[in-house]
Amino acid sequence: MTVDTAKPGFSTTIEALRLHTWRLGPGQPAMVIDQFTDEDFKLVVDDRADMHINSRDGRFYLGWFPTGRPGTDGDGWVLAVTGTATAPGYRVTFDTETPAQVVAAAVAEVIATSAPVRSA
């Protein structure tokens, strides 16, 4: 077996090594929250001004904690989907400084891939 050592690792250019700007800061939570409809979701704002959004069937949850979720190390967003008897659910957290656009993209993907259960 021979190994081509003429091109080890990643090849790059000077242009590729230049600094980039990246989206930073929490942004506007409305980008996330505006994706929900009253028809399919319930919204509650608690006494700390934290926001909780649940699907009407209770399997989807999104919490927004502008000053951090109590008892955590800076959780700003919690997205959770309850599993079923045959498939586990999942939980994703984003810190308070995660750009709302990133959270909105994750939420949009979850919503887009959901479907009502068909009765037999």
C-alpha atoms as a PDB file:
ATOM      1  CA  MET A   1       0.000   0.000   0.000  1.00  0.00           C
ATOM      2  CA  THR A   2       1.321   3.429  -0.871  1.00  0.00           C
ATOM      3  CA  VAL A   3       0.347   6.730   0.658  1.00  0.00           C
ATOM      4  CA  ASP A   4       0.374   9.962  -1.311  1.00  0.00           C
ATOM      5  CA  THR A   5       2.240  12.409   0.923  1.00  0.00           C
ATOM      6  CA  ALA A   6       2.331  15.168  -1.680  1.00  0.00           C
ATOM      7  CA  LYS A   7      -0.951  16.621  -0.346  1.00  0.00           C
ATOM      8  CA  PRO A   8      -1.124  16.013   3.411  1.00  0.00           C
ATOM      9  CA  GLY A   9      -3.973  17.539   5.440  1.00  0.00           C
ATOM     10  CA  PHE A  10      -6.319  20.186   4.130  1.00  0.00           C
ATOM     11  CA  SER A  11      -5.286  22.347   1.238  1.00  0.00           C
ATOM     12  CA  THR A  12      -6.100  26.009   1.641  1.00  0.00           C
ATOM     13  CA  THR A  13      -5.400  29.453   0.301  1.00  0.00           C
ATOM     14  CA  ILE A  14      -4.415  32.735   1.901  1.00  0.00           C
ATOM     15  CA  GLU A  15      -7.941  34.013   1.172  1.00  0.00           C
ATOM     16  CA  ALA A  16      -9.477  31.088   3.085  1.00  0.00           C
ATOM     17  CA  LEU A  17      -7.325  31.905   6.125  1.00  0.00           C
ATOM     18  CA  ARG A  18      -8.600  35.479   6.418  1.00  0.00           C
ATOM     19  CA  LEU A  19     -10.740  36.318   9.427  1.00  0.00           C
ATOM     20  CA  HIS A  20     -14.504  36.100   9.053  1.00  0.00           C
ATOM     21  CA  THR A  21     -17.295  37.886  10.828  1.00  0.00           C
ATOM     22  CA  TRP A  22     -19.751  35.620  12.628  1.00  0.00           C
ATOM     23  CA  ARG A  23     -23.235  36.313  13.925  1.00  0.00           C
ATOM     24  CA  LEU A  24     -22.908  36.949  17.658  1.00  0.00           C
ATOM     25  CA  GLY A  25     -25.248  38.086  20.408  1.00  0.00           C
ATOM     26  CA  PRO A  26     -28.747  36.929  21.244  1.00  0.00           C
ATOM     27  CA  GLY A  27     -30.582  38.873  18.543  1.00  0.00           C
ATOM     28  CA  GLN A  28     -34.354  39.215  18.549  1.00  0.00           C
ATOM     29  CA  PRO A  29     -36.356  36.371  20.152  1.00  0.00           C
ATOM     30  CA  ALA A  30     -39.345  37.290  17.980  1.00  0.00           C
ATOM     31  CA  MET A  31     -37.578  35.458  15.133  1.00  0.00           C
ATOM     32  CA  VAL A  32     -38.138  32.265  17.116  1.00  0.00           C
ATOM     33  CA  ILE A  33     -41.472  32.990  18.773  1.00  0.00           C
ATOM     34  CA  ASP A  34     -43.236  34.255  15.633  1.00  0.00           C
ATOM     35  CA  GLN A  35     -43.046  30.749  14.145  1.00  0.00           C
ATOM     36  CA  PHE A  36     -45.785  29.483  16.463  1.00  0.00           C
ATOM     37  CA  THR A  37     -49.507  29.713  15.872  1.00  0.00           C
ATOM     38  CA  ASP A  38     -52.212  29.869  18.519  1.00  0.00           C
ATOM     39  CA  GLU A  39     -53.953  27.068  16.655  1.00  0.00           C
ATOM     40  CA  ASP A  40     -51.191  24.522  17.370  1.00  0.00           C
ATOM     41  CA  PHE A  41     -49.347  25.886  20.416  1.00  0.00           C
ATOM     42  CA  LYS A  42     -49.946  27.367  23.864  1.00  0.00           C
ATOM     43  CA  LEU A  43     -47.808  30.244  25.132  1.00  0.00           C
ATOM     44  CA  VAL A  44     -47.298  31.170  28.780  1.00  0.00           C
ATOM     45  CA  VAL A  45     -45.199  33.996  30.188  1.00  0.00           C
ATOM     46  CA  ASP A  46     -44.376  33.402  33.835  1.00  0.00           C
ATOM     47  CA  ASP A  47     -43.648  35.823  36.694  1.00  0.00           C
ATOM     48  CA  ARG A  48     -39.927  35.969  35.776  1.00  0.00           C
ATOM     49  CA  ALA A  49     -40.811  36.983  32.177  1.00  0.00           C
ATOM     50  CA  ASP A  50     -39.638  33.575  30.949  1.00  0.00           C
ATOM     51  CA  MET A  51     -41.657  32.245  28.043  1.00  0.00           C
ATOM     52  CA  HIS A  52     -42.903  28.676  27.683  1.00  0.00           C
ATOM     53  CA  ILE A  53     -44.405  27.320  24.464  1.00  0.00           C
ATOM     54  CA  ASN A  54     -46.046  23.892  24.297  1.00  0.00           C
ATOM     55  CA  SER A  55     -47.659  22.049  21.449  1.00  0.00           C
ATOM     56  CA  ARG A  56     -51.330  21.340  22.038  1.00  0.00           C
ATOM     57  CA  ASP A  57     -50.529  17.615  22.259  1.00  0.00           C
ATOM     58  CA  GLY A  58     -47.910  18.341  24.943  1.00  0.00           C
ATOM     59  CA  ARG A  59     -44.992  16.637  23.154  1.00  0.00           C
ATOM     60  CA  PHE A  60     -43.111  19.761  22.027  1.00  0.00           C
ATOM     61  CA  TYR A  61     -41.698  22.328  24.456  1.00  0.00           C
ATOM     62  CA  LEU A  62     -39.685  25.493  23.921  1.00  0.00           C
ATOM     63  CA  GLY A  63     -38.606  27.650  26.827  1.00  0.00           C
ATOM     64  CA  TRP A  64     -36.967  31.061  26.534  1.00  0.00           C
ATOM     65  CA  PHE A  65     -35.125  32.332  29.595  1.00  0.00           C
ATOM     66  CA  PRO A  66     -33.774  35.840  28.804  1.00  0.00           C
ATOM     67  CA  THR A  67     -31.675  36.040  31.983  1.00  0.00           C
ATOM     68  CA  GLY A  68     -30.805  32.336  32.102  1.00  0.00           C
ATOM     69  CA  ARG A  69     -32.760  29.348  33.302  1.00  0.00           C
ATOM     70  CA  PRO A  70     -32.677  29.039  37.099  1.00  0.00           C
ATOM     71  CA  GLY A  71     -30.411  26.255  38.302  1.00  0.00           C
ATOM     72  CA  THR A  72     -28.425  26.024  35.052  1.00  0.00           C
ATOM     73  CA  ASP A  73     -25.219  27.497  33.738  1.00  0.00           C
ATOM     74  CA  GLY A  74     -26.716  30.067  31.359  1.00  0.00           C
ATOM     75  CA  ASP A  75     -29.358  28.081  29.470  1.00  0.00           C
ATOM     76  CA  GLY A  76     -31.276  30.659  27.441  1.00  0.00           C
ATOM     77  CA  TRP A  77     -33.377  28.340  25.278  1.00  0.00           C
ATOM     78  CA  VAL A  78     -34.584  24.788  25.863  1.00  0.00           C
ATOM     79  CA  LEU A  79     -36.157  22.830  23.013  1.00  0.00           C
ATOM     80  CA  ALA A  80     -37.526  19.392  23.846  1.00  0.00           C
ATOM     81  CA  VAL A  81     -39.622  16.784  22.091  1.00  0.00           C
ATOM     82  CA  THR A  82     -41.074  13.920  24.102  1.00  0.00           C
ATOM     83  CA  GLY A  83     -40.426  10.467  22.726  1.00  0.00           C
ATOM     84  CA  THR A  84     -42.822   7.602  22.163  1.00  0.00           C
ATOM     85  CA  ALA A  85     -42.945   3.996  23.287  1.00  0.00           C
ATOM     86  CA  THR A  86     -40.740   3.047  20.343  1.00  0.00           C
ATOM     87  CA  ALA A  87     -38.471   6.097  19.891  1.00  0.00           C
ATOM     88  CA  PRO A  88     -36.684   8.266  22.453  1.00  0.00           C
ATOM     89  CA  GLY A  89     -37.246  12.003  22.611  1.00  0.00           C
ATOM     90  CA  TYR A  90     -34.560  14.658  22.743  1.00  0.00           C
ATOM     91  CA  ARG A  91     -33.631  17.922  24.421  1.00  0.00           C
ATOM     92  CA  VAL A  92     -31.436  20.718  23.064  1.00  0.00           C
ATOM     93  CA  THR A  93     -30.259  23.771  24.987  1.00  0.00           C
ATOM     94  CA  PHE A  94     -28.796  27.035  23.735  1.00  0.00           C
ATOM     95  CA  ASP A  95     -27.150  29.566  26.014  1.00  0.00           C
ATOM     96  CA  THR A  96     -28.412  33.108  26.506  1.00  0.00           C
ATOM     97  CA  GLU A  97     -25.971  34.492  23.917  1.00  0.00           C
ATOM     98  CA  THR A  98     -26.903  32.096  21.104  1.00  0.00           C
ATOM     99  CA  PRO A  99     -28.175  34.172  18.166  1.00  0.00           C
ATOM    100  CA  ALA A 100     -31.943  33.948  17.798  1.00  0.00           C
ATOM    101  CA  GLN A 101     -31.427  33.120  14.115  1.00  0.00           C
ATOM    102  CA  VAL A 102     -29.680  29.872  15.091  1.00  0.00           C
ATOM    103  CA  VAL A 103     -32.456  28.902  17.503  1.00  0.00           C
ATOM    104  CA  ALA A 104     -35.087  29.897  14.914  1.00  0.00           C
ATOM    105  CA  ALA A 105     -33.481  27.597  12.338  1.00  0.00           C
ATOM    106  CA  ALA A 106     -33.514  24.644  14.752  1.00  0.00           C
ATOM    107  CA  VAL A 107     -37.141  25.320  15.720  1.00  0.00           C
ATOM    108  CA  ALA A 108     -38.185  25.705  12.073  1.00  0.00           C
ATOM    109  CA  GLU A 109     -36.672  22.309  11.255  1.00  0.00           C
ATOM    110  CA  VAL A 110     -38.487  20.623  14.149  1.00  0.00           C
ATOM    111  CA  ILE A 111     -41.801  22.215  13.193  1.00  0.00           C
ATOM    112  CA  ALA A 112     -41.330  21.400   9.489  1.00  0.00           C
ATOM    113  CA  THR A 113     -40.723  17.728  10.202  1.00  0.00           C
ATOM    114  CA  SER A 114     -43.700  17.292  12.535  1.00  0.00           C
ATOM    115  CA  ALA A 115     -46.916  15.716  11.339  1.00  0.00           C
ATOM    116  CA  PRO A 116     -50.249  14.935  12.971  1.00  0.00           C
ATOM    117  CA  VAL A 117     -50.831  11.330  13.953  1.00  0.00           C
ATOM    118  CA  ARG A 118     -53.404   9.687  11.702  1.00  0.00           C
ATOM    119  CA  SER A 119     -56.140   7.773  13.498  1.00  0.00           C
ATOM    120  CA  ALA A 120     -56.886   4.269  12.283  1.00  0.00           C
END
